[in-house]
Amino acid sequence: MRSYKELDAWKLSMELAKKIYEITDTFPAREIYGLSSQMQRAAVFVPSNIAEGSGRNSKKEFVQFIYLSRGSLLELETQLELSKMLDYLHEKKYNNTARLIARVHKIINGLIFSLKNSRTTDNQQPTTSKG
């Protein structure tokens, strides 16, 4: 069985989480318990749910956790948009992060497709996660 750490979706979402921490570090101090915290939490949920799902007993449960990851990613995308509207982000940083979110989204969708269409047994992971 492959480790979740080998999945492209997990690797790229970890990069995204790191980037979100770097971005939110520049937000106004008043956002430390607001938007900064919400974005950090959503960003951390993406790879965390991939990891947790990979440890579940069935492929069906794994897919459910990947759906949760995707939901957190879309939540993060909305929060990134709000950050831009509030002028917390420069255009370049926003665009780079939005592109990374789109890449993670595509890879997560590919992982979902792979899991749902694979012939692996319930406790095995697919051999590919590329989207």
Protein backbone atom coordinates (compact mmCIF):
# COMPACT_ATOMS: atom_id res chain seq x y z
CA MET A 1 0.00 0.00 0.00
CA ARG A 2 1.33 3.43 -0.96
CA SER A 3 1.75 6.13 1.63
CA TYR A 4 -0.45 9.20 1.37
CA LYS A 5 2.82 11.16 1.30
CA GLU A 6 3.41 9.82 -2.20
CA LEU A 7 0.12 11.22 -3.53
CA ASP A 8 0.50 14.32 -5.69
CA ALA A 9 -2.68 15.73 -4.16
CA TRP A 10 -1.16 15.57 -0.68
CA LYS A 11 2.23 16.96 -1.75
CA LEU A 12 0.79 19.93 -3.62
CA SER A 13 -1.78 20.69 -0.94
CA MET A 14 1.03 20.77 1.63
CA GLU A 15 2.79 23.38 -0.53
CA LEU A 16 -0.46 25.32 -0.67
CA ALA A 17 -0.87 25.21 3.12
CA LYS A 18 2.64 26.57 3.57
CA LYS A 19 1.95 29.35 1.08
CA ILE A 20 -1.27 30.29 2.89
CA TYR A 21 0.61 30.59 6.18
CA GLU A 22 3.14 32.86 4.49
CA ILE A 23 0.39 34.99 2.95
CA THR A 24 -1.71 35.33 6.09
CA ASP A 25 1.38 36.33 8.05
CA THR A 26 1.19 39.64 6.14
CA PHE A 27 -2.49 40.28 6.91
CA PRO A 28 -3.49 43.00 9.40
CA ALA A 29 -3.17 41.98 13.05
CA ARG A 30 -6.93 42.35 13.51
CA GLU A 31 -7.38 39.31 11.24
CA ILE A 32 -5.35 36.93 13.42
CA TYR A 33 -8.53 35.34 14.79
CA GLY A 34 -10.61 36.11 11.71
CA LEU A 35 -9.78 35.59 8.07
CA SER A 36 -6.16 34.55 8.72
CA SER A 37 -7.23 31.79 11.06
CA GLN A 38 -10.02 30.61 8.75
CA MET A 39 -7.71 30.46 5.74
CA GLN A 40 -5.04 28.59 7.68
CA ARG A 41 -7.57 26.09 8.98
CA ALA A 42 -9.07 25.47 5.53
CA ALA A 43 -5.59 25.10 4.00
CA VAL A 44 -4.52 22.58 6.66
CA PHE A 45 -7.73 20.57 6.24
CA VAL A 46 -6.93 19.82 2.59
CA PRO A 47 -3.84 17.60 3.11
CA SER A 48 -5.03 16.46 6.54
CA ASN A 49 -8.21 14.92 5.12
CA ILE A 50 -6.21 13.22 2.37
CA ALA A 51 -3.96 11.70 5.02
CA GLU A 52 -6.83 10.70 7.29
CA GLY A 53 -8.84 9.23 4.44
CA SER A 54 -5.92 7.10 3.32
CA GLY A 55 -5.92 5.42 6.70
CA ARG A 56 -9.58 4.45 6.58
CA ASN A 57 -10.76 0.91 6.04
CA SER A 58 -12.50 1.32 2.71
CA LYS A 59 -12.12 3.06 -0.60
CA LYS A 60 -15.57 4.59 -0.08
CA GLU A 61 -14.44 6.24 3.16
CA PHE A 62 -11.25 7.45 1.50
CA VAL A 63 -13.29 9.10 -1.27
CA GLN A 64 -15.48 10.80 1.35
CA PHE A 65 -12.40 12.34 2.95
CA ILE A 66 -11.14 13.47 -0.46
CA TYR A 67 -14.50 15.19 -0.97
CA LEU A 68 -13.96 16.94 2.37
CA SER A 69 -10.53 18.04 1.14
CA ARG A 70 -12.07 19.45 -2.00
CA GLY A 71 -14.70 21.29 0.03
CA SER A 72 -12.01 22.87 2.20
CA LEU A 73 -10.09 23.84 -0.93
CA LEU A 74 -13.12 25.63 -2.36
CA GLU A 75 -13.69 27.34 0.98
CA LEU A 76 -10.08 28.52 0.83
CA GLU A 77 -10.57 29.76 -2.72
CA THR A 78 -13.48 31.92 -1.53
CA GLN A 79 -11.42 33.27 1.35
CA LEU A 80 -8.60 34.10 -1.05
CA GLU A 81 -11.08 36.08 -3.17
CA LEU A 82 -12.20 37.98 -0.07
CA SER A 83 -8.58 38.71 0.82
CA LYS A 84 -8.14 40.24 -2.60
CA MET A 85 -11.33 42.30 -2.24
CA LEU A 86 -10.06 43.62 1.11
CA ASP A 87 -6.72 44.55 -0.51
CA TYR A 88 -4.75 42.20 1.74
CA LEU A 89 -3.00 40.69 -1.29
CA HIS A 90 -1.07 42.11 -4.20
CA GLU A 91 -2.32 40.99 -7.60
CA LYS A 92 0.73 38.82 -8.31
CA LYS A 93 0.49 36.94 -5.00
CA TYR A 94 -3.23 36.47 -5.51
CA ASN A 95 -2.77 35.14 -9.06
CA ASN A 96 0.01 32.73 -8.06
CA THR A 97 -2.05 31.36 -5.18
CA ALA A 98 -5.22 31.10 -7.27
CA ARG A 99 -3.28 29.10 -9.88
CA LEU A 100 -1.94 26.78 -7.18
CA ILE A 101 -5.46 26.25 -5.84
CA ALA A 102 -6.65 25.42 -9.37
CA ARG A 103 -3.82 22.86 -9.74
CA VAL A 104 -4.67 21.24 -6.41
CA HIS A 105 -8.35 21.17 -7.39
CA LYS A 106 -7.55 19.42 -10.67
CA ILE A 107 -5.34 16.84 -8.95
CA ILE A 108 -7.93 16.18 -6.24
CA ASN A 109 -10.59 15.67 -8.91
CA GLY A 110 -8.24 13.23 -10.61
CA LEU A 111 -7.71 11.37 -7.36
CA ILE A 112 -11.46 11.10 -6.81
CA PHE A 113 -11.91 9.78 -10.35
CA SER A 114 -9.06 7.32 -9.87
CA LEU A 115 -10.41 6.02 -6.58
CA LYS A 116 -13.96 5.68 -7.84
CA ASN A 117 -12.88 3.86 -11.00
CA SER A 118 -10.01 1.76 -9.69
CA ARG A 119 -10.22 -1.96 -9.18
CA THR A 120 -8.15 -1.91 -6.01
CA THR A 121 -9.40 -3.65 -2.93
CA ASP A 122 -11.05 -1.51 -0.30
CA ASN A 123 -7.93 -0.88 1.76
CA GLN A 124 -5.54 -0.18 -1.13
CA GLN A 125 -4.80 3.17 -2.70
CA PRO A 126 -4.68 3.77 -6.43
CA THR A 127 -1.35 3.77 -8.18
CA THR A 128 -1.78 7.27 -9.59
CA SER A 129 -3.12 10.58 -8.38
CA LYS A 130 -2.16 12.82 -11.26
CA GLY A 131 -4.92 14.95 -12.68
